[in-house]
Amino acid sequence: MNIIALIIQLICGALGGNISGKLLKNIDLGTLGNSIAGVVGGGVGGQILNALGLFAGAQGGSLDLASIIGNIASGGVGGGVMMAIIGLIKSLLAKSNR
């Protein structure tokens, strides 16, 4: 795994987190919260998805087009999913404290 692929996943994770936050307004964490959750999800989720082989082009560590697209997709998906999970947990905790 090279550092450029990780940076792509982190940036796309932040974007994925913010897109998910805007689409799922009831679990939106705000721009900063969505970005932080997305960065974490982009890094972790991107690594998991690549290890599972779901984005095969991203596994080689090279910077060809398939690898870059795989890193964008895995980071974005990981960021969006992580933001949704954290937002859902936060929403459920807020409801239980009422």
C-alpha atoms as a PDB file:
ATOM      1  CA  MET A   1       0.000   0.000   0.000  1.00  0.00           C
ATOM      2  CA  ASN A   2       1.549   3.260  -0.974  1.00  0.00           C
ATOM      3  CA  ILE A   3       0.968   6.574   0.747  1.00  0.00           C
ATOM      4  CA  ILE A   4      -0.683   8.184  -2.279  1.00  0.00           C
ATOM      5  CA  ALA A   5      -3.389   5.505  -2.310  1.00  0.00           C
ATOM      6  CA  LEU A   6      -4.017   6.113   1.397  1.00  0.00           C
ATOM      7  CA  ILE A   7      -4.247   9.873   0.875  1.00  0.00           C
ATOM      8  CA  ILE A   8      -6.765   9.323  -1.942  1.00  0.00           C
ATOM      9  CA  GLN A   9      -8.832   7.075   0.345  1.00  0.00           C
ATOM     10  CA  LEU A  10      -8.768   9.603   3.210  1.00  0.00           C
ATOM     11  CA  ILE A  11      -9.819  12.526   1.004  1.00  0.00           C
ATOM     12  CA  CYS A  12     -12.546  10.508  -0.685  1.00  0.00           C
ATOM     13  CA  GLY A  13     -13.644   9.233   2.718  1.00  0.00           C
ATOM     14  CA  ALA A  14     -14.186  12.814   3.875  1.00  0.00           C
ATOM     15  CA  LEU A  15     -16.152  13.519   0.711  1.00  0.00           C
ATOM     16  CA  GLY A  16     -18.184  10.329   1.151  1.00  0.00           C
ATOM     17  CA  GLY A  17     -18.934  11.231   4.757  1.00  0.00           C
ATOM     18  CA  ASN A  18     -20.180  14.687   3.788  1.00  0.00           C
ATOM     19  CA  ILE A  19     -22.272  13.379   0.920  1.00  0.00           C
ATOM     20  CA  SER A  20     -23.862  10.802   3.234  1.00  0.00           C
ATOM     21  CA  GLY A  21     -24.515  13.484   5.828  1.00  0.00           C
ATOM     22  CA  LYS A  22     -26.303  15.672   3.311  1.00  0.00           C
ATOM     23  CA  LEU A  23     -28.368  12.774   1.959  1.00  0.00           C
ATOM     24  CA  LEU A  24     -29.261  11.403   5.402  1.00  0.00           C
ATOM     25  CA  LYS A  25     -30.207  14.603   7.193  1.00  0.00           C
ATOM     26  CA  ASN A  26     -31.577  12.841  10.277  1.00  0.00           C
ATOM     27  CA  ILE A  27     -28.112  11.478  11.140  1.00  0.00           C
ATOM     28  CA  ASP A  28     -26.022  14.404   9.837  1.00  0.00           C
ATOM     29  CA  LEU A  29     -23.068  15.189  12.131  1.00  0.00           C
ATOM     30  CA  GLY A  30     -22.315  18.596  10.640  1.00  0.00           C
ATOM     31  CA  THR A  31     -19.540  19.293   8.176  1.00  0.00           C
ATOM     32  CA  LEU A  32     -16.675  18.729  10.620  1.00  0.00           C
ATOM     33  CA  GLY A  33     -18.200  15.605  12.159  1.00  0.00           C
ATOM     34  CA  ASN A  34     -19.029  14.150   8.748  1.00  0.00           C
ATOM     35  CA  SER A  35     -15.481  14.866   7.577  1.00  0.00           C
ATOM     36  CA  ILE A  36     -13.818  13.279  10.610  1.00  0.00           C
ATOM     37  CA  ALA A  37     -16.020  10.183  10.469  1.00  0.00           C
ATOM     38  CA  GLY A  38     -15.446  10.019   6.720  1.00  0.00           C
ATOM     39  CA  VAL A  39     -11.660  10.228   7.009  1.00  0.00           C
ATOM     40  CA  VAL A  40     -11.629   7.402   9.553  1.00  0.00           C
ATOM     41  CA  GLY A  41     -14.018   5.349   7.449  1.00  0.00           C
ATOM     42  CA  GLY A  42     -12.131   6.090   4.258  1.00  0.00           C
ATOM     43  CA  GLY A  43      -8.864   4.851   5.715  1.00  0.00           C
ATOM     44  CA  VAL A  44     -10.198   1.823   7.582  1.00  0.00           C
ATOM     45  CA  GLY A  45     -12.993   0.943   5.195  1.00  0.00           C
ATOM     46  CA  GLY A  46     -10.793   1.399   2.168  1.00  0.00           C
ATOM     47  CA  GLN A  47      -8.257  -1.031   3.582  1.00  0.00           C
ATOM     48  CA  ILE A  48     -10.933  -3.588   4.453  1.00  0.00           C
ATOM     49  CA  LEU A  49     -12.618  -3.376   1.038  1.00  0.00           C
ATOM     50  CA  ASN A  50      -9.269  -3.674  -0.715  1.00  0.00           C
ATOM     51  CA  ALA A  51      -8.273  -6.663   1.436  1.00  0.00           C
ATOM     52  CA  LEU A  52     -11.555  -8.367   0.550  1.00  0.00           C
ATOM     53  CA  GLY A  53     -10.795  -7.780  -3.111  1.00  0.00           C
ATOM     54  CA  LEU A  54     -13.965  -5.790  -3.789  1.00  0.00           C
ATOM     55  CA  PHE A  55     -11.981  -3.149  -5.644  1.00  0.00           C
ATOM     56  CA  ALA A  56      -9.329  -5.320  -7.222  1.00  0.00           C
ATOM     57  CA  GLY A  57      -7.654  -2.511  -9.121  1.00  0.00           C
ATOM     58  CA  ALA A  58      -6.648  -0.838  -5.864  1.00  0.00           C
ATOM     59  CA  GLN A  59      -4.701  -3.791  -4.503  1.00  0.00           C
ATOM     60  CA  GLY A  60      -1.623  -3.515  -6.659  1.00  0.00           C
ATOM     61  CA  GLY A  61      -0.360  -0.337  -5.046  1.00  0.00           C
ATOM     62  CA  SER A  62       0.361   1.168  -8.455  1.00  0.00           C
ATOM     63  CA  LEU A  63      -0.991   4.442  -9.719  1.00  0.00           C
ATOM     64  CA  ASP A  64      -2.741   3.228 -12.845  1.00  0.00           C
ATOM     65  CA  LEU A  65      -6.277   4.389 -13.600  1.00  0.00           C
ATOM     66  CA  ALA A  66      -7.957   1.238 -12.224  1.00  0.00           C
ATOM     67  CA  SER A  67      -6.047   1.567  -8.961  1.00  0.00           C
ATOM     68  CA  ILE A  68      -6.938   5.240  -8.546  1.00  0.00           C
ATOM     69  CA  ILE A  69     -10.624   4.585  -9.284  1.00  0.00           C
ATOM     70  CA  GLY A  70     -10.595   1.663  -6.831  1.00  0.00           C
ATOM     71  CA  ASN A  71      -9.090   3.855  -4.114  1.00  0.00           C
ATOM     72  CA  ILE A  72     -11.629   6.617  -4.783  1.00  0.00           C
ATOM     73  CA  ALA A  73     -14.520   4.171  -4.615  1.00  0.00           C
ATOM     74  CA  SER A  74     -13.318   2.264  -1.547  1.00  0.00           C
ATOM     75  CA  GLY A  75     -12.483   5.449   0.365  1.00  0.00           C
ATOM     76  CA  GLY A  76     -15.786   7.088  -0.521  1.00  0.00           C
ATOM     77  CA  VAL A  77     -17.826   4.019   0.369  1.00  0.00           C
ATOM     78  CA  GLY A  78     -15.919   3.478   3.608  1.00  0.00           C
ATOM     79  CA  GLY A  79     -16.332   7.129   4.606  1.00  0.00           C
ATOM     80  CA  GLY A  80     -20.034   7.168   3.840  1.00  0.00           C
ATOM     81  CA  VAL A  81     -20.699   3.962   5.743  1.00  0.00           C
ATOM     82  CA  MET A  82     -18.681   5.054   8.782  1.00  0.00           C
ATOM     83  CA  MET A  83     -20.471   8.422   8.926  1.00  0.00           C
ATOM     84  CA  ALA A  84     -23.840   6.668   8.706  1.00  0.00           C
ATOM     85  CA  ILE A  85     -22.936   4.242  11.501  1.00  0.00           C
ATOM     86  CA  ILE A  86     -21.662   6.983  13.821  1.00  0.00           C
ATOM     87  CA  GLY A  87     -24.626   9.240  12.983  1.00  0.00           C
ATOM     88  CA  LEU A  88     -27.083   6.421  13.678  1.00  0.00           C
ATOM     89  CA  ILE A  89     -25.445   5.617  17.021  1.00  0.00           C
ATOM     90  CA  LYS A  90     -25.481   9.294  17.980  1.00  0.00           C
ATOM     91  CA  SER A  91     -29.141   9.585  16.987  1.00  0.00           C
ATOM     92  CA  LEU A  92     -30.111   6.496  18.993  1.00  0.00           C
ATOM     93  CA  LEU A  93     -28.202   7.726  22.063  1.00  0.00           C
ATOM     94  CA  ALA A  94     -29.903  11.117  21.851  1.00  0.00           C
ATOM     95  CA  LYS A  95     -33.328   9.452  21.712  1.00  0.00           C
ATOM     96  CA  SER A  96     -32.568   7.217  24.708  1.00  0.00           C
ATOM     97  CA  ASN A  97     -31.490  10.220  26.818  1.00  0.00           C
ATOM     98  CA  ARG A  98     -34.855  11.960  26.439  1.00  0.00           C
END
